[in-house]
Structures are given as C-alpha cells and as structure tokens.
C-alpha cells in the first residue's frame, strides 16, 4: 500500500483530489443535516451510522477551532 501523502503528488489533479474528497464529505454532512438523515462512515474499519443530530453536535464542537486545530489548518 502506498502511504505517501497524495497532496504532495506532482500531478496537480491528483494533488487536488484530496481537497475535493474533503469538500464532498462536507457536502454529504450538509445534505444529511438538511434532510434529517444519517450518513454512513467507516471508522477504524467499522461501519458507523451518524445521525443528523450527531452531525450538528460535531459541527458545533468543531466550529470553534482549538490551538491544535489551527496549527493543523495552517500547515
């Protein structure tokens, strides 16, 4: 398995695909909240169903970046 960070690819389309996947995931969360439905995610190899209410709570917790998150976002 290739463990290289895809964002470091010399191919600009491949490098940009990481951000595109993040945007698609955020769109899925937005839609689930708007339609009050669950989304299905894979966490540590296990299928996890996340309700719209849970997604709202997670969004609220993550909307106020901590120092560690700010450092990650700036990197």
PDB file of N, CA and C in Angstrom:
ATOM      1  N   UNK A   1       0.835  -1.181   0.000  1.00  0.00           N
ATOM      2  CA  UNK A   1       0.000   0.000   0.000  1.00  0.00           C
ATOM      3  C   UNK A   1       0.879   1.244   0.000  1.00  0.00           C
ATOM      4  N   UNK A   2       0.536   2.205  -0.825  1.00  0.00           N
ATOM      5  CA  UNK A   2       1.291   3.448  -0.911  1.00  0.00           C
ATOM      6  C   UNK A   2       0.839   4.382   0.214  1.00  0.00           C
ATOM      7  N   UNK A   3       1.770   4.796   1.073  1.00  0.00           N
ATOM      8  CA  UNK A   3       1.426   5.654   2.201  1.00  0.00           C
ATOM      9  C   UNK A   3       1.853   7.101   2.008  1.00  0.00           C
ATOM     10  N   UNK A   4       2.281   7.446   0.794  1.00  0.00           N
ATOM     11  CA  UNK A   4       2.690   8.827   0.520  1.00  0.00           C
ATOM     12  C   UNK A   4       1.467   9.744   0.533  1.00  0.00           C
ATOM     13  N   UNK A   5       1.661  10.944   1.020  1.00  0.00           N
ATOM     14  CA  UNK A   5       0.591  11.936   1.068  1.00  0.00           C
ATOM     15  C   UNK A   5       0.230  12.341  -0.358  1.00  0.00           C
ATOM     16  N   UNK A   6      -1.007  12.121  -0.745  1.00  0.00           N
ATOM     17  CA  UNK A   6      -1.462  12.393  -2.110  1.00  0.00           C
ATOM     18  C   UNK A   6      -1.340  13.878  -2.453  1.00  0.00           C
ATOM     19  N   UNK A   7      -1.398  14.738  -1.442  1.00  0.00           N
ATOM     20  CA  UNK A   7      -1.302  16.186  -1.682  1.00  0.00           C
ATOM     21  C   UNK A   7       0.072  16.598  -2.179  1.00  0.00           C
ATOM     22  N   UNK A   8       1.046  15.713  -2.043  1.00  0.00           N
ATOM     23  CA  UNK A   8       2.404  16.009  -2.482  1.00  0.00           C
ATOM     24  C   UNK A   8       2.697  15.492  -3.891  1.00  0.00           C
ATOM     25  N   UNK A   9       1.669  14.959  -4.547  1.00  0.00           N
ATOM     26  CA  UNK A   9       1.833  14.416  -5.893  1.00  0.00           C
ATOM     27  C   UNK A   9       2.260  15.507  -6.867  1.00  0.00           C
ATOM     28  N   UNK A  10       3.055  15.126  -7.857  1.00  0.00           N
ATOM     29  CA  UNK A  10       3.466  16.060  -8.912  1.00  0.00           C
ATOM     30  C   UNK A  10       2.315  16.330  -9.879  1.00  0.00           C
ATOM     31  N   UNK A  11       1.348  15.432  -9.915  1.00  0.00           N
ATOM     32  CA  UNK A  11       0.174  15.594 -10.771  1.00  0.00           C
ATOM     33  C   UNK A  11      -0.817  16.524 -10.052  1.00  0.00           C
ATOM     34  N   UNK A  12      -1.084  17.712 -10.594  1.00  0.00           N
ATOM     35  CA  UNK A  12      -1.949  18.662  -9.901  1.00  0.00           C
ATOM     36  C   UNK A  12      -3.383  18.150  -9.698  1.00  0.00           C
ATOM     37  N   UNK A  13      -3.877  17.339 -10.627  1.00  0.00           N
ATOM     38  CA  UNK A  13      -5.219  16.780 -10.451  1.00  0.00           C
ATOM     39  C   UNK A  13      -5.259  15.821  -9.269  1.00  0.00           C
ATOM     40  N   UNK A  14      -4.244  14.996  -9.171  1.00  0.00           N
ATOM     41  CA  UNK A  14      -4.169  14.045  -8.070  1.00  0.00           C
ATOM     42  C   UNK A  14      -3.974  14.771  -6.742  1.00  0.00           C
ATOM     43  N   UNK A  15      -3.113  15.764  -6.735  1.00  0.00           N
ATOM     44  CA  UNK A  15      -2.865  16.534  -5.517  1.00  0.00           C
ATOM     45  C   UNK A  15      -4.136  17.256  -5.063  1.00  0.00           C
ATOM     46  N   UNK A  16      -4.905  17.756  -5.997  1.00  0.00           N
ATOM     47  CA  UNK A  16      -6.133  18.469  -5.666  1.00  0.00           C
ATOM     48  C   UNK A  16      -7.280  17.561  -5.280  1.00  0.00           C
ATOM     49  N   UNK A  17      -7.155  16.280  -5.574  1.00  0.00           N
ATOM     50  CA  UNK A  17      -8.251  15.358  -5.276  1.00  0.00           C
ATOM     51  C   UNK A  17      -8.495  15.222  -3.773  1.00  0.00           C
ATOM     52  N   UNK A  18      -7.483  15.425  -2.963  1.00  0.00           N
ATOM     53  CA  UNK A  18      -7.646  15.330  -1.516  1.00  0.00           C
ATOM     54  C   UNK A  18      -8.660  16.371  -1.040  1.00  0.00           C
ATOM     55  N   UNK A  19      -8.468  17.620  -1.456  1.00  0.00           N
ATOM     56  CA  UNK A  19      -9.400  18.682  -1.068  1.00  0.00           C
ATOM     57  C   UNK A  19     -10.791  18.425  -1.637  1.00  0.00           C
ATOM     58  N   UNK A  20     -10.866  17.870  -2.828  1.00  0.00           N
ATOM     59  CA  UNK A  20     -12.160  17.562  -3.437  1.00  0.00           C
ATOM     60  C   UNK A  20     -12.902  16.518  -2.613  1.00  0.00           C
ATOM     61  N   UNK A  21     -12.186  15.529  -2.114  1.00  0.00           N
ATOM     62  CA  UNK A  21     -12.810  14.498  -1.281  1.00  0.00           C
ATOM     63  C   UNK A  21     -13.313  15.109   0.023  1.00  0.00           C
ATOM     64  N   UNK A  22     -12.536  16.017   0.604  1.00  0.00           N
ATOM     65  CA  UNK A  22     -12.980  16.694   1.831  1.00  0.00           C
ATOM     66  C   UNK A  22     -14.248  17.515   1.574  1.00  0.00           C
ATOM     67  N   UNK A  23     -14.287  18.222   0.437  1.00  0.00           N
ATOM     68  CA  UNK A  23     -15.480  19.005   0.098  1.00  0.00           C
ATOM     69  C   UNK A  23     -16.692  18.106  -0.115  1.00  0.00           C
ATOM     70  N   UNK A  24     -16.489  16.969  -0.756  1.00  0.00           N
ATOM     71  CA  UNK A  24     -17.593  16.031  -0.984  1.00  0.00           C
ATOM     72  C   UNK A  24     -18.122  15.492   0.345  1.00  0.00           C
ATOM     73  N   UNK A  25     -17.229  15.201   1.264  1.00  0.00           N
ATOM     74  CA  UNK A  25     -17.652  14.737   2.586  1.00  0.00           C
ATOM     75  C   UNK A  25     -18.444  15.802   3.315  1.00  0.00           C
ATOM     76  N   UNK A  26     -17.991  17.047   3.222  1.00  0.00           N
ATOM     77  CA  UNK A  26     -18.707  18.147   3.871  1.00  0.00           C
ATOM     78  C   UNK A  26     -20.080  18.338   3.237  1.00  0.00           C
ATOM     79  N   UNK A  27     -20.162  18.170   1.927  1.00  0.00           N
ATOM     80  CA  UNK A  27     -21.457  18.269   1.246  1.00  0.00           C
ATOM     81  C   UNK A  27     -22.405  17.171   1.710  1.00  0.00           C
ATOM     82  N   UNK A  28     -21.881  15.980   1.933  1.00  0.00           N
ATOM     83  CA  UNK A  28     -22.701  14.876   2.431  1.00  0.00           C
ATOM     84  C   UNK A  28     -23.235  15.190   3.826  1.00  0.00           C
ATOM     85  N   UNK A  29     -22.392  15.772   4.666  1.00  0.00           N
ATOM     86  CA  UNK A  29     -22.825  16.167   6.013  1.00  0.00           C
ATOM     87  C   UNK A  29     -23.900  17.242   5.918  1.00  0.00           C
ATOM     88  N   UNK A  30     -23.675  18.250   5.080  1.00  0.00           N
ATOM     89  CA  UNK A  30     -24.658  19.328   4.907  1.00  0.00           C
ATOM     90  C   UNK A  30     -26.009  18.773   4.477  1.00  0.00           C
ATOM     91  N   UNK A  31     -25.995  17.873   3.500  1.00  0.00           N
ATOM     92  CA  UNK A  31     -27.235  17.292   2.988  1.00  0.00           C
ATOM     93  C   UNK A  31     -27.931  16.444   4.055  1.00  0.00           C
ATOM     94  N   UNK A  32     -27.166  15.675   4.802  1.00  0.00           N
ATOM     95  CA  UNK A  32     -27.748  14.848   5.862  1.00  0.00           C
ATOM     96  C   UNK A  32     -28.424  15.721   6.917  1.00  0.00           C
ATOM     97  N   UNK A  33     -27.806  16.826   7.268  1.00  0.00           N
ATOM     98  CA  UNK A  33     -28.402  17.737   8.249  1.00  0.00           C
ATOM     99  C   UNK A  33     -29.668  18.369   7.674  1.00  0.00           C
ATOM    100  N   UNK A  34     -29.617  18.814   6.419  1.00  0.00           N
ATOM    101  CA  UNK A  34     -30.777  19.460   5.789  1.00  0.00           C
ATOM    102  C   UNK A  34     -31.964  18.517   5.672  1.00  0.00           C
ATOM    103  N   UNK A  35     -31.686  17.239   5.421  1.00  0.00           N
ATOM    104  CA  UNK A  35     -32.761  16.269   5.197  1.00  0.00           C
ATOM    105  C   UNK A  35     -33.041  15.402   6.421  1.00  0.00           C
ATOM    106  N   UNK A  36     -32.339  15.688   7.516  1.00  0.00           N
ATOM    107  CA  UNK A  36     -32.501  14.949   8.771  1.00  0.00           C
ATOM    108  C   UNK A  36     -32.330  13.435   8.556  1.00  0.00           C
ATOM    109  N   UNK A  37     -31.255  13.079   7.863  1.00  0.00           N
ATOM    110  CA  UNK A  37     -30.955  11.670   7.610  1.00  0.00           C
ATOM    111  C   UNK A  37     -29.567  11.323   8.162  1.00  0.00           C
ATOM    112  N   UNK A  38     -29.285  10.045   8.200  1.00  0.00           N
ATOM    113  CA  UNK A  38     -27.984   9.575   8.668  1.00  0.00           C
ATOM    114  C   UNK A  38     -26.998   9.522   7.516  1.00  0.00           C
ATOM    115  N   UNK A  39     -25.717   9.545   7.872  1.00  0.00           N
ATOM    116  CA  UNK A  39     -24.694   9.197   6.899  1.00  0.00           C
ATOM    117  C   UNK A  39     -23.950   7.985   7.452  1.00  0.00           C
ATOM    118  N   UNK A  40     -23.344   7.254   6.570  1.00  0.00           N
ATOM    119  CA  UNK A  40     -22.597   6.063   6.941  1.00  0.00           C
ATOM    120  C   UNK A  40     -21.123   6.348   6.721  1.00  0.00           C
ATOM    121  N   UNK A  41     -20.317   6.097   7.755  1.00  0.00           N
ATOM    122  CA  UNK A  41     -18.877   6.313   7.654  1.00  0.00           C
ATOM    123  C   UNK A  41     -18.155   5.055   8.113  1.00  0.00           C
ATOM    124  N   UNK A  42     -16.895   4.993   7.790  1.00  0.00           N
ATOM    125  CA  UNK A  42     -16.052   3.892   8.219  1.00  0.00           C
ATOM    126  C   UNK A  42     -15.037   4.447   9.206  1.00  0.00           C
ATOM    127  N   UNK A  43     -15.078   3.947  10.446  1.00  0.00           N
ATOM    128  CA  UNK A  43     -14.177   4.411  11.494  1.00  0.00           C
ATOM    129  C   UNK A  43     -13.437   3.204  12.049  1.00  0.00           C
ATOM    130  N   UNK A  44     -12.122   3.216  11.916  1.00  0.00           N
ATOM    131  CA  UNK A  44     -11.299   2.100  12.388  1.00  0.00           C
ATOM    132  C   UNK A  44     -11.800   0.757  11.862  1.00  0.00           C
ATOM    133  N   UNK A  45     -12.215   0.754  10.593  1.00  0.00           N
ATOM    134  CA  UNK A  45     -12.659  -0.476   9.957  1.00  0.00           C
ATOM    135  C   UNK A  45     -14.072  -0.903  10.312  1.00  0.00           C
ATOM    136  N   UNK A  46     -14.798  -0.075  11.058  1.00  0.00           N
ATOM    137  CA  UNK A  46     -16.165  -0.404  11.457  1.00  0.00           C
ATOM    138  C   UNK A  46     -17.139   0.584  10.831  1.00  0.00           C
ATOM    139  N   UNK A  47     -18.296   0.074  10.415  1.00  0.00           N
ATOM    140  CA  UNK A  47     -19.339   0.925   9.854  1.00  0.00           C
ATOM    141  C   UNK A  47     -20.008   1.679  10.991  1.00  0.00           C
ATOM    142  N   UNK A  48     -20.094   3.004  10.833  1.00  0.00           N
ATOM    143  CA  UNK A  48     -20.697   3.853  11.864  1.00  0.00           C
ATOM    144  C   UNK A  48     -21.781   4.705  11.213  1.00  0.00           C
ATOM    145  N   UNK A  49     -22.991   4.655  11.785  1.00  0.00           N
ATOM    146  CA  UNK A  49     -24.097   5.483  11.327  1.00  0.00           C
ATOM    147  C   UNK A  49     -24.122   6.743  12.185  1.00  0.00           C
ATOM    148  N   UNK A  50     -24.110   7.909  11.533  1.00  0.00           N
ATOM    149  CA  UNK A  50     -24.108   9.181  12.263  1.00  0.00           C
ATOM    150  C   UNK A  50     -25.383   9.929  11.920  1.00  0.00           C
ATOM    151  N   UNK A  51     -26.189  10.205  12.942  1.00  0.00           N
ATOM    152  CA  UNK A  51     -27.467  10.885  12.737  1.00  0.00           C
ATOM    153  C   UNK A  51     -27.240  12.364  12.447  1.00  0.00           C
ATOM    154  N   UNK A  52     -28.279  12.999  11.911  1.00  0.00           N
ATOM    155  CA  UNK A  52     -28.209  14.433  11.638  1.00  0.00           C
ATOM    156  C   UNK A  52     -27.955  15.193  12.936  1.00  0.00           C
ATOM    157  N   UNK A  53     -28.586  14.757  14.024  1.00  0.00           N
ATOM    158  CA  UNK A  53     -28.391  15.421  15.320  1.00  0.00           C
ATOM    159  C   UNK A  53     -26.935  15.297  15.775  1.00  0.00           C
ATOM    160  N   UNK A  54     -26.367  14.122  15.608  1.00  0.00           N
ATOM    161  CA  UNK A  54     -24.967  13.922  15.973  1.00  0.00           C
ATOM    162  C   UNK A  54     -24.047  14.780  15.106  1.00  0.00           C
ATOM    163  N   UNK A  55     -24.357  14.868  13.816  1.00  0.00           N
ATOM    164  CA  UNK A  55     -23.557  15.688  12.912  1.00  0.00           C
ATOM    165  C   UNK A  55     -23.618  17.163  13.309  1.00  0.00           C
ATOM    166  N   UNK A  56     -24.806  17.621  13.725  1.00  0.00           N
ATOM    167  CA  UNK A  56     -24.948  19.004  14.185  1.00  0.00           C
ATOM    168  C   UNK A  56     -24.081  19.255  15.415  1.00  0.00           C
ATOM    169  N   UNK A  57     -24.089  18.303  16.348  1.00  0.00           N
ATOM    170  CA  UNK A  57     -23.280  18.448  17.564  1.00  0.00           C
ATOM    171  C   UNK A  57     -21.796  18.466  17.225  1.00  0.00           C
ATOM    172  N   UNK A  58     -21.376  17.578  16.328  1.00  0.00           N
ATOM    173  CA  UNK A  58     -19.971  17.534  15.916  1.00  0.00           C
ATOM    174  C   UNK A  58     -19.570  18.839  15.241  1.00  0.00           C
ATOM    175  N   UNK A  59     -20.463  19.374  14.423  1.00  0.00           N
ATOM    176  CA  UNK A  59     -20.179  20.634  13.739  1.00  0.00           C
ATOM    177  C   UNK A  59     -20.025  21.765  14.752  1.00  0.00           C
ATOM    178  N   UNK A  60     -20.894  21.784  15.753  1.00  0.00           N
ATOM    179  CA  UNK A  60     -20.828  22.814  16.795  1.00  0.00           C
ATOM    180  C   UNK A  60     -19.498  22.725  17.551  1.00  0.00           C
ATOM    181  N   UNK A  61     -19.088  21.512  17.893  1.00  0.00           N
ATOM    182  CA  UNK A  61     -17.829  21.332  18.618  1.00  0.00           C
ATOM    183  C   UNK A  61     -16.630  21.740  17.774  1.00  0.00           C
ATOM    184  N   UNK A  62     -16.702  21.481  16.481  1.00  0.00           N
ATOM    185  CA  UNK A  62     -15.576  21.773  15.591  1.00  0.00           C
ATOM    186  C   UNK A  62     -15.599  23.181  15.016  1.00  0.00           C
ATOM    187  N   UNK A  63     -16.668  23.930  15.269  1.00  0.00           N
ATOM    188  CA  UNK A  63     -16.757  25.266  14.698  1.00  0.00           C
ATOM    189  C   UNK A  63     -15.898  26.272  15.455  1.00  0.00           C
ATOM    190  N   UNK A  64     -15.439  25.895  16.636  1.00  0.00           N
ATOM    191  CA  UNK A  64     -14.571  26.755  17.429  1.00  0.00           C
ATOM    192  C   UNK A  64     -13.200  26.094  17.477  1.00  0.00           C
ATOM    193  N   UNK A  65     -12.318  26.432  16.533  1.00  0.00           N
ATOM    194  CA  UNK A  65     -11.035  25.727  16.437  1.00  0.00           C
ATOM    195  C   UNK A  65     -10.173  25.896  17.685  1.00  0.00           C
ATOM    196  N   UNK A  66      -9.570  24.791  18.080  1.00  0.00           N
ATOM    197  CA  UNK A  66      -8.629  24.822  19.186  1.00  0.00           C
ATOM    198  C   UNK A  66      -7.269  25.220  18.637  1.00  0.00           C
ATOM    199  N   UNK A  67      -6.336  25.457  19.520  1.00  0.00           N
ATOM    200  CA  UNK A  67      -4.979  25.822  19.095  1.00  0.00           C
ATOM    201  C   UNK A  67      -4.408  24.713  18.219  1.00  0.00           C
ATOM    202  N   UNK A  68      -4.601  23.461  18.598  1.00  0.00           N
ATOM    203  CA  UNK A  68      -4.060  22.338  17.824  1.00  0.00           C
ATOM    204  C   UNK A  68      -4.675  22.307  16.418  1.00  0.00           C
ATOM    205  N   UNK A  69      -6.001  22.557  16.318  1.00  0.00           N
ATOM    206  CA  UNK A  69      -6.655  22.539  15.011  1.00  0.00           C
ATOM    207  C   UNK A  69      -6.161  23.687  14.141  1.00  0.00           C
ATOM    208  N   UNK A  70      -5.940  24.844  14.728  1.00  0.00           N
ATOM    209  CA  UNK A  70      -5.464  25.991  13.962  1.00  0.00           C
ATOM    210  C   UNK A  70      -4.089  25.682  13.395  1.00  0.00           C
ATOM    211  N   UNK A  71      -3.240  25.064  14.192  1.00  0.00           N
ATOM    212  CA  UNK A  71      -1.899  24.705  13.699  1.00  0.00           C
ATOM    213  C   UNK A  71      -2.005  23.745  12.536  1.00  0.00           C
ATOM    214  N   UNK A  72      -2.914  22.772  12.634  1.00  0.00           N
ATOM    215  CA  UNK A  72      -3.087  21.795  11.563  1.00  0.00           C
ATOM    216  C   UNK A  72      -3.591  22.476  10.303  1.00  0.00           C
ATOM    217  N   UNK A  73      -4.555  23.395  10.447  1.00  0.00           N
ATOM    218  CA  UNK A  73      -5.105  24.067   9.290  1.00  0.00           C
ATOM    219  C   UNK A  73      -4.088  24.959   8.609  1.00  0.00           C
ATOM    220  N   UNK A  74      -3.159  25.513   9.367  1.00  0.00           N
ATOM    221  CA  UNK A  74      -2.151  26.397   8.792  1.00  0.00           C
ATOM    222  C   UNK A  74      -1.034  25.627   8.112  1.00  0.00           C
ATOM    223  N   UNK A  75      -0.835  24.377   8.470  1.00  0.00           N
ATOM    224  CA  UNK A  75       0.263  23.578   7.926  1.00  0.00           C
ATOM    225  C   UNK A  75       0.058  23.287   6.465  1.00  0.00           C
TER     226      UNK A  75
END
